[in-house]
ModelCIF file with pLDDT and N, C-alpha, C, O atoms, coordinates in Angstrom:
data_MODEL
#
_entry.id   MODEL 
#
_entity.id                         1 
_entity.type                       polymer 
_entity.pdbx_number_of_molecules   1 
#
_entity_poly.entity_id                      1 
_entity_poly.type                           'polypeptide(L)' 
_entity_poly.nstd_linkage                   no 
_entity_poly.nstd_monomer                   no 
_entity_poly.pdbx_seq_one_letter_code       GFYWFEEALNPTDRYEKEIIRDTCRYIHSLGY 
_entity_poly.pdbx_seq_one_letter_code_can   GFYWFEEALNPTDRYEKEIIRDTCRYIHSLGY 
_entity_poly.pdbx_strand_id                 A 
#
loop_
_entity_poly_seq.entity_id 
_entity_poly_seq.num 
_entity_poly_seq.mon_id 
_entity_poly_seq.hetero 
1 1  GLY n 
1 2  PHE n 
1 3  TYR n 
1 4  TRP n 
1 5  PHE n 
1 6  GLU n 
1 7  GLU n 
1 8  ALA n 
1 9  LEU n 
1 10 ASN n 
1 11 PRO n 
1 12 THR n 
1 13 ASP n 
1 14 ARG n 
1 15 TYR n 
1 16 GLU n 
1 17 LYS n 
1 18 GLU n 
1 19 ILE n 
1 20 ILE n 
1 21 ARG n 
1 22 ASP n 
1 23 THR n 
1 24 CYS n 
1 25 ARG n 
1 26 TYR n 
1 27 ILE n 
1 28 HIS n 
1 29 SER n 
1 30 LEU n 
1 31 GLY n 
1 32 TYR n 
#
_struct_asym.id          A 
_struct_asym.entity_id   1 
#
loop_
_ma_qa_metric.id 
_ma_qa_metric.mode 
_ma_qa_metric.name 
_ma_qa_metric.software_group_id 
_ma_qa_metric.type 
1 global pLDDT . pLDDT 
2 local  pLDDT . pLDDT 
#
_ma_qa_metric_global.metric_id      1 
_ma_qa_metric_global.metric_value   96.31 
_ma_qa_metric_global.model_id       1 
_ma_qa_metric_global.ordinal_id     1 
#
loop_
_ma_qa_metric_local.label_asym_id 
_ma_qa_metric_local.label_comp_id 
_ma_qa_metric_local.label_seq_id 
_ma_qa_metric_local.metric_id 
_ma_qa_metric_local.metric_value 
_ma_qa_metric_local.model_id 
_ma_qa_metric_local.ordinal_id 
A GLY 1  2 97.00 1 1  
A PHE 2  2 98.00 1 2  
A TYR 3  2 96.00 1 3  
A TRP 4  2 97.00 1 4  
A PHE 5  2 95.00 1 5  
A GLU 6  2 96.00 1 6  
A GLU 7  2 97.00 1 7  
A ALA 8  2 97.00 1 8  
A LEU 9  2 95.00 1 9  
A ASN 10 2 93.00 1 10 
A PRO 11 2 93.00 1 11 
A THR 12 2 92.00 1 12 
A ASP 13 2 93.00 1 13 
A ARG 14 2 92.00 1 14 
A TYR 15 2 94.00 1 15 
A GLU 16 2 95.00 1 16 
A LYS 17 2 96.00 1 17 
A GLU 18 2 97.00 1 18 
A ILE 19 2 97.00 1 19 
A ILE 20 2 97.00 1 20 
A ARG 21 2 98.00 1 21 
A ASP 22 2 98.00 1 22 
A THR 23 2 98.00 1 23 
A CYS 24 2 98.00 1 24 
A ARG 25 2 98.00 1 25 
A TYR 26 2 98.00 1 26 
A ILE 27 2 98.00 1 27 
A HIS 28 2 98.00 1 28 
A SER 29 2 98.00 1 29 
A LEU 30 2 98.00 1 30 
A GLY 31 2 97.00 1 31 
A TYR 32 2 98.00 1 32 
#
loop_
_atom_site.group_PDB 
_atom_site.id 
_atom_site.type_symbol 
_atom_site.label_atom_id 
_atom_site.label_alt_id 
_atom_site.label_comp_id 
_atom_site.label_asym_id 
_atom_site.label_entity_id 
_atom_site.label_seq_id 
_atom_site.pdbx_PDB_ins_code 
_atom_site.Cartn_x 
_atom_site.Cartn_y 
_atom_site.Cartn_z 
_atom_site.occupancy 
_atom_site.B_iso_or_equiv 
_atom_site.pdbx_formal_charge 
_atom_site.auth_seq_id 
_atom_site.auth_comp_id 
_atom_site.auth_asym_id 
_atom_site.auth_atom_id 
_atom_site.pdbx_PDB_model_num 
ATOM 1   N N  . GLY A 1 1  ? 125.920 53.518 77.718 1.00 97.00 ? 1  GLY A N  1 
ATOM 2   C CA . GLY A 1 1  ? 124.675 53.818 79.019 1.00 97.00 ? 1  GLY A CA 1 
ATOM 3   C C  . GLY A 1 1  ? 124.405 52.151 78.550 1.00 97.00 ? 1  GLY A C  1 
ATOM 4   O O  . GLY A 1 1  ? 125.096 51.359 77.910 1.00 97.00 ? 1  GLY A O  1 
ATOM 5   N N  . PHE A 1 2  ? 123.116 52.052 79.170 1.00 98.00 ? 2  PHE A N  1 
ATOM 6   C CA . PHE A 1 2  ? 122.465 50.140 79.403 1.00 98.00 ? 2  PHE A CA 1 
ATOM 7   C C  . PHE A 1 2  ? 121.373 50.406 78.393 1.00 98.00 ? 2  PHE A C  1 
ATOM 8   O O  . PHE A 1 2  ? 121.260 51.546 77.942 1.00 98.00 ? 2  PHE A O  1 
ATOM 9   N N  . TYR A 1 3  ? 120.505 49.372 77.977 1.00 96.00 ? 3  TYR A N  1 
ATOM 10  C CA . TYR A 1 3  ? 119.491 48.825 77.419 1.00 96.00 ? 3  TYR A CA 1 
ATOM 11  C C  . TYR A 1 3  ? 118.535 48.116 77.935 1.00 96.00 ? 3  TYR A C  1 
ATOM 12  O O  . TYR A 1 3  ? 118.403 47.031 77.368 1.00 96.00 ? 3  TYR A O  1 
ATOM 13  N N  . TRP A 1 4  ? 117.740 48.331 78.884 1.00 97.00 ? 4  TRP A N  1 
ATOM 14  C CA . TRP A 1 4  ? 116.428 47.507 79.206 1.00 97.00 ? 4  TRP A CA 1 
ATOM 15  C C  . TRP A 1 4  ? 116.072 46.557 78.092 1.00 97.00 ? 4  TRP A C  1 
ATOM 16  O O  . TRP A 1 4  ? 115.803 46.855 76.928 1.00 97.00 ? 4  TRP A O  1 
ATOM 17  N N  . PHE A 1 5  ? 116.116 45.347 78.652 1.00 95.00 ? 5  PHE A N  1 
ATOM 18  C CA . PHE A 1 5  ? 116.030 44.287 77.322 1.00 95.00 ? 5  PHE A CA 1 
ATOM 19  C C  . PHE A 1 5  ? 114.775 44.000 77.151 1.00 95.00 ? 5  PHE A C  1 
ATOM 20  O O  . PHE A 1 5  ? 114.480 43.817 75.969 1.00 95.00 ? 5  PHE A O  1 
ATOM 21  N N  . GLU A 1 6  ? 113.769 43.874 78.042 1.00 96.00 ? 6  GLU A N  1 
ATOM 22  C CA . GLU A 1 6  ? 112.596 43.403 77.917 1.00 96.00 ? 6  GLU A CA 1 
ATOM 23  C C  . GLU A 1 6  ? 111.565 44.629 77.394 1.00 96.00 ? 6  GLU A C  1 
ATOM 24  O O  . GLU A 1 6  ? 111.519 45.750 77.900 1.00 96.00 ? 6  GLU A O  1 
ATOM 25  N N  . GLU A 1 7  ? 110.842 44.209 76.395 1.00 97.00 ? 7  GLU A N  1 
ATOM 26  C CA . GLU A 1 7  ? 110.000 45.085 75.593 1.00 97.00 ? 7  GLU A CA 1 
ATOM 27  C C  . GLU A 1 7  ? 108.663 45.537 76.177 1.00 97.00 ? 7  GLU A C  1 
ATOM 28  O O  . GLU A 1 7  ? 108.064 46.473 75.646 1.00 97.00 ? 7  GLU A O  1 
ATOM 29  N N  . ALA A 1 8  ? 108.219 44.973 77.142 1.00 97.00 ? 8  ALA A N  1 
ATOM 30  C CA . ALA A 1 8  ? 106.999 45.415 78.021 1.00 97.00 ? 8  ALA A CA 1 
ATOM 31  C C  . ALA A 1 8  ? 107.209 44.959 79.347 1.00 97.00 ? 8  ALA A C  1 
ATOM 32  O O  . ALA A 1 8  ? 107.875 43.989 79.710 1.00 97.00 ? 8  ALA A O  1 
ATOM 33  N N  . LEU A 1 9  ? 106.475 45.882 80.123 1.00 95.00 ? 9  LEU A N  1 
ATOM 34  C CA . LEU A 1 9  ? 106.473 45.288 81.664 1.00 95.00 ? 9  LEU A CA 1 
ATOM 35  C C  . LEU A 1 9  ? 105.668 44.151 81.767 1.00 95.00 ? 9  LEU A C  1 
ATOM 36  O O  . LEU A 1 9  ? 104.909 43.869 80.839 1.00 95.00 ? 9  LEU A O  1 
ATOM 37  N N  . ASN A 1 10 ? 105.752 43.257 83.069 1.00 93.00 ? 10 ASN A N  1 
ATOM 38  C CA . ASN A 1 10 ? 105.336 41.901 83.370 1.00 93.00 ? 10 ASN A CA 1 
ATOM 39  C C  . ASN A 1 10 ? 104.001 42.478 83.515 1.00 93.00 ? 10 ASN A C  1 
ATOM 40  O O  . ASN A 1 10 ? 103.979 43.699 83.360 1.00 93.00 ? 10 ASN A O  1 
ATOM 41  N N  . PRO A 1 11 ? 103.113 42.033 83.719 1.00 93.00 ? 11 PRO A N  1 
ATOM 42  C CA . PRO A 1 11 ? 101.739 42.467 84.694 1.00 93.00 ? 11 PRO A CA 1 
ATOM 43  C C  . PRO A 1 11 ? 101.955 41.557 86.021 1.00 93.00 ? 11 PRO A C  1 
ATOM 44  O O  . PRO A 1 11 ? 101.628 41.990 87.126 1.00 93.00 ? 11 PRO A O  1 
ATOM 45  N N  . THR A 1 12 ? 102.500 40.332 85.854 1.00 92.00 ? 12 THR A N  1 
ATOM 46  C CA . THR A 1 12 ? 102.690 39.558 87.178 1.00 92.00 ? 12 THR A CA 1 
ATOM 47  C C  . THR A 1 12 ? 103.833 39.577 88.274 1.00 92.00 ? 12 THR A C  1 
ATOM 48  O O  . THR A 1 12 ? 103.922 38.849 89.263 1.00 92.00 ? 12 THR A O  1 
ATOM 49  N N  . ASP A 1 13 ? 104.693 40.594 87.856 1.00 93.00 ? 13 ASP A N  1 
ATOM 50  C CA . ASP A 1 13 ? 105.498 41.196 88.603 1.00 93.00 ? 13 ASP A CA 1 
ATOM 51  C C  . ASP A 1 13 ? 105.805 42.487 89.323 1.00 93.00 ? 13 ASP A C  1 
ATOM 52  O O  . ASP A 1 13 ? 106.546 43.342 88.839 1.00 93.00 ? 13 ASP A O  1 
ATOM 53  N N  . ARG A 1 14 ? 105.193 42.601 90.529 1.00 92.00 ? 14 ARG A N  1 
ATOM 54  C CA . ARG A 1 14 ? 104.621 43.792 91.415 1.00 92.00 ? 14 ARG A CA 1 
ATOM 55  C C  . ARG A 1 14 ? 106.191 44.287 91.570 1.00 92.00 ? 14 ARG A C  1 
ATOM 56  O O  . ARG A 1 14 ? 106.222 45.514 91.661 1.00 92.00 ? 14 ARG A O  1 
ATOM 57  N N  . TYR A 1 15 ? 107.194 43.827 91.611 1.00 94.00 ? 15 TYR A N  1 
ATOM 58  C CA . TYR A 1 15 ? 108.474 44.577 91.716 1.00 94.00 ? 15 TYR A CA 1 
ATOM 59  C C  . TYR A 1 15 ? 109.235 45.483 90.379 1.00 94.00 ? 15 TYR A C  1 
ATOM 60  O O  . TYR A 1 15 ? 110.154 46.299 90.439 1.00 94.00 ? 15 TYR A O  1 
ATOM 61  N N  . GLU A 1 16 ? 108.605 45.080 89.410 1.00 95.00 ? 16 GLU A N  1 
ATOM 62  C CA . GLU A 1 16 ? 109.535 45.185 88.397 1.00 95.00 ? 16 GLU A CA 1 
ATOM 63  C C  . GLU A 1 16 ? 109.580 47.022 88.413 1.00 95.00 ? 16 GLU A C  1 
ATOM 64  O O  . GLU A 1 16 ? 110.596 47.699 88.254 1.00 95.00 ? 16 GLU A O  1 
ATOM 65  N N  . LYS A 1 17 ? 108.900 47.273 88.528 1.00 96.00 ? 17 LYS A N  1 
ATOM 66  C CA . LYS A 1 17 ? 108.738 48.838 88.209 1.00 96.00 ? 17 LYS A CA 1 
ATOM 67  C C  . LYS A 1 17 ? 110.030 49.684 89.114 1.00 96.00 ? 17 LYS A C  1 
ATOM 68  O O  . LYS A 1 17 ? 110.908 50.457 88.732 1.00 96.00 ? 17 LYS A O  1 
ATOM 69  N N  . GLU A 1 18 ? 109.706 49.178 90.361 1.00 97.00 ? 18 GLU A N  1 
ATOM 70  C CA . GLU A 1 18 ? 110.653 49.067 91.286 1.00 97.00 ? 18 GLU A CA 1 
ATOM 71  C C  . GLU A 1 18 ? 112.056 49.093 91.008 1.00 97.00 ? 18 GLU A C  1 
ATOM 72  O O  . GLU A 1 18 ? 112.942 49.947 91.054 1.00 97.00 ? 18 GLU A O  1 
ATOM 73  N N  . ILE A 1 19 ? 111.959 47.715 90.661 1.00 97.00 ? 19 ILE A N  1 
ATOM 74  C CA . ILE A 1 19 ? 113.479 47.601 90.322 1.00 97.00 ? 19 ILE A CA 1 
ATOM 75  C C  . ILE A 1 19 ? 114.055 48.410 88.899 1.00 97.00 ? 19 ILE A C  1 
ATOM 76  O O  . ILE A 1 19 ? 115.176 48.895 88.747 1.00 97.00 ? 19 ILE A O  1 
ATOM 77  N N  . ILE A 1 20 ? 113.125 48.394 88.098 1.00 97.00 ? 20 ILE A N  1 
ATOM 78  C CA . ILE A 1 20 ? 113.609 49.683 87.015 1.00 97.00 ? 20 ILE A CA 1 
ATOM 79  C C  . ILE A 1 20 ? 114.182 50.728 87.494 1.00 97.00 ? 20 ILE A C  1 
ATOM 80  O O  . ILE A 1 20 ? 115.253 51.229 87.149 1.00 97.00 ? 20 ILE A O  1 
ATOM 81  N N  . ARG A 1 21 ? 113.143 51.198 88.645 1.00 98.00 ? 21 ARG A N  1 
ATOM 82  C CA . ARG A 1 21 ? 113.387 52.571 88.931 1.00 98.00 ? 21 ARG A CA 1 
ATOM 83  C C  . ARG A 1 21 ? 114.988 52.762 89.608 1.00 98.00 ? 21 ARG A C  1 
ATOM 84  O O  . ARG A 1 21 ? 115.839 53.623 89.384 1.00 98.00 ? 21 ARG A O  1 
ATOM 85  N N  . ASP A 1 22 ? 114.993 51.899 90.273 1.00 98.00 ? 22 ASP A N  1 
ATOM 86  C CA . ASP A 1 22 ? 116.559 51.303 90.965 1.00 98.00 ? 22 ASP A CA 1 
ATOM 87  C C  . ASP A 1 22 ? 117.012 51.424 90.323 1.00 98.00 ? 22 ASP A C  1 
ATOM 88  O O  . ASP A 1 22 ? 117.176 52.595 89.979 1.00 98.00 ? 22 ASP A O  1 
ATOM 89  N N  . THR A 1 23 ? 117.640 50.364 89.557 1.00 98.00 ? 23 THR A N  1 
ATOM 90  C CA . THR A 1 23 ? 118.537 50.433 88.246 1.00 98.00 ? 23 THR A CA 1 
ATOM 91  C C  . THR A 1 23 ? 118.853 51.752 87.368 1.00 98.00 ? 23 THR A C  1 
ATOM 92  O O  . THR A 1 23 ? 120.000 52.200 87.366 1.00 98.00 ? 23 THR A O  1 
ATOM 93  N N  . CYS A 1 24 ? 117.932 52.305 86.699 1.00 98.00 ? 24 CYS A N  1 
ATOM 94  C CA . CYS A 1 24 ? 117.873 53.435 86.069 1.00 98.00 ? 24 CYS A CA 1 
ATOM 95  C C  . CYS A 1 24 ? 118.843 54.201 87.189 1.00 98.00 ? 24 CYS A C  1 
ATOM 96  O O  . CYS A 1 24 ? 120.020 54.400 86.886 1.00 98.00 ? 24 CYS A O  1 
ATOM 97  N N  . ARG A 1 25 ? 118.244 54.703 88.716 1.00 98.00 ? 25 ARG A N  1 
ATOM 98  C CA . ARG A 1 25 ? 118.893 55.681 89.220 1.00 98.00 ? 25 ARG A CA 1 
ATOM 99  C C  . ARG A 1 25 ? 120.684 55.350 89.636 1.00 98.00 ? 25 ARG A C  1 
ATOM 100 O O  . ARG A 1 25 ? 121.644 56.105 89.788 1.00 98.00 ? 25 ARG A O  1 
ATOM 101 N N  . TYR A 1 26 ? 120.581 54.400 89.686 1.00 98.00 ? 26 TYR A N  1 
ATOM 102 C CA . TYR A 1 26 ? 122.036 52.992 89.703 1.00 98.00 ? 26 TYR A CA 1 
ATOM 103 C C  . TYR A 1 26 ? 122.920 53.608 88.810 1.00 98.00 ? 26 TYR A C  1 
ATOM 104 O O  . TYR A 1 26 ? 124.015 54.102 89.079 1.00 98.00 ? 26 TYR A O  1 
ATOM 105 N N  . ILE A 1 27 ? 122.390 53.543 87.789 1.00 98.00 ? 27 ILE A N  1 
ATOM 106 C CA . ILE A 1 27 ? 123.210 54.227 86.223 1.00 98.00 ? 27 ILE A CA 1 
ATOM 107 C C  . ILE A 1 27 ? 123.296 55.250 85.825 1.00 98.00 ? 27 ILE A C  1 
ATOM 108 O O  . ILE A 1 27 ? 124.004 55.543 84.861 1.00 98.00 ? 27 ILE A O  1 
ATOM 109 N N  . HIS A 1 28 ? 122.388 56.280 86.662 1.00 98.00 ? 28 HIS A N  1 
ATOM 110 C CA . HIS A 1 28 ? 122.940 57.352 86.539 1.00 98.00 ? 28 HIS A CA 1 
ATOM 111 C C  . HIS A 1 28 ? 123.608 58.041 87.390 1.00 98.00 ? 28 HIS A C  1 
ATOM 112 O O  . HIS A 1 28 ? 123.914 59.214 87.180 1.00 98.00 ? 28 HIS A O  1 
ATOM 113 N N  . SER A 1 29 ? 123.933 57.359 88.517 1.00 98.00 ? 29 SER A N  1 
ATOM 114 C CA . SER A 1 29 ? 124.578 57.732 89.676 1.00 98.00 ? 29 SER A CA 1 
ATOM 115 C C  . SER A 1 29 ? 126.055 57.569 89.176 1.00 98.00 ? 29 SER A C  1 
ATOM 116 O O  . SER A 1 29 ? 126.976 58.217 89.673 1.00 98.00 ? 29 SER A O  1 
ATOM 117 N N  . LEU A 1 30 ? 126.213 56.725 88.231 1.00 98.00 ? 30 LEU A N  1 
ATOM 118 C CA . LEU A 1 30 ? 127.511 56.339 87.552 1.00 98.00 ? 30 LEU A CA 1 
ATOM 119 C C  . LEU A 1 30 ? 127.780 56.946 86.192 1.00 98.00 ? 30 LEU A C  1 
ATOM 120 O O  . LEU A 1 30 ? 128.911 56.877 85.712 1.00 98.00 ? 30 LEU A O  1 
ATOM 121 N N  . GLY A 1 31 ? 126.898 57.472 85.625 1.00 97.00 ? 31 GLY A N  1 
ATOM 122 C CA . GLY A 1 31 ? 127.286 59.040 84.400 1.00 97.00 ? 31 GLY A CA 1 
ATOM 123 C C  . GLY A 1 31 ? 126.566 58.188 83.531 1.00 97.00 ? 31 GLY A C  1 
ATOM 124 O O  . GLY A 1 31 ? 126.592 58.779 82.452 1.00 97.00 ? 31 GLY A O  1 
ATOM 125 N N  . TYR A 1 32 ? 125.982 57.206 83.401 1.00 98.00 ? 32 TYR A N  1 
ATOM 126 C CA . TYR A 1 32 ? 125.097 56.886 82.233 1.00 98.00 ? 32 TYR A CA 1 
ATOM 127 C C  . TYR A 1 32 ? 123.753 56.929 81.822 1.00 98.00 ? 32 TYR A C  1 
ATOM 128 O O  . TYR A 1 32 ? 123.439 56.540 80.697 1.00 98.00 ? 32 TYR A O  1 
#
């Protein structure tokens, strides 16, 4: 699988949660 490198959420990035969720969904769709 994969490791999300950043160690905290960025409070100034309003899209970060959405991007993490989308990325995790894609990883899961590949079976990882």
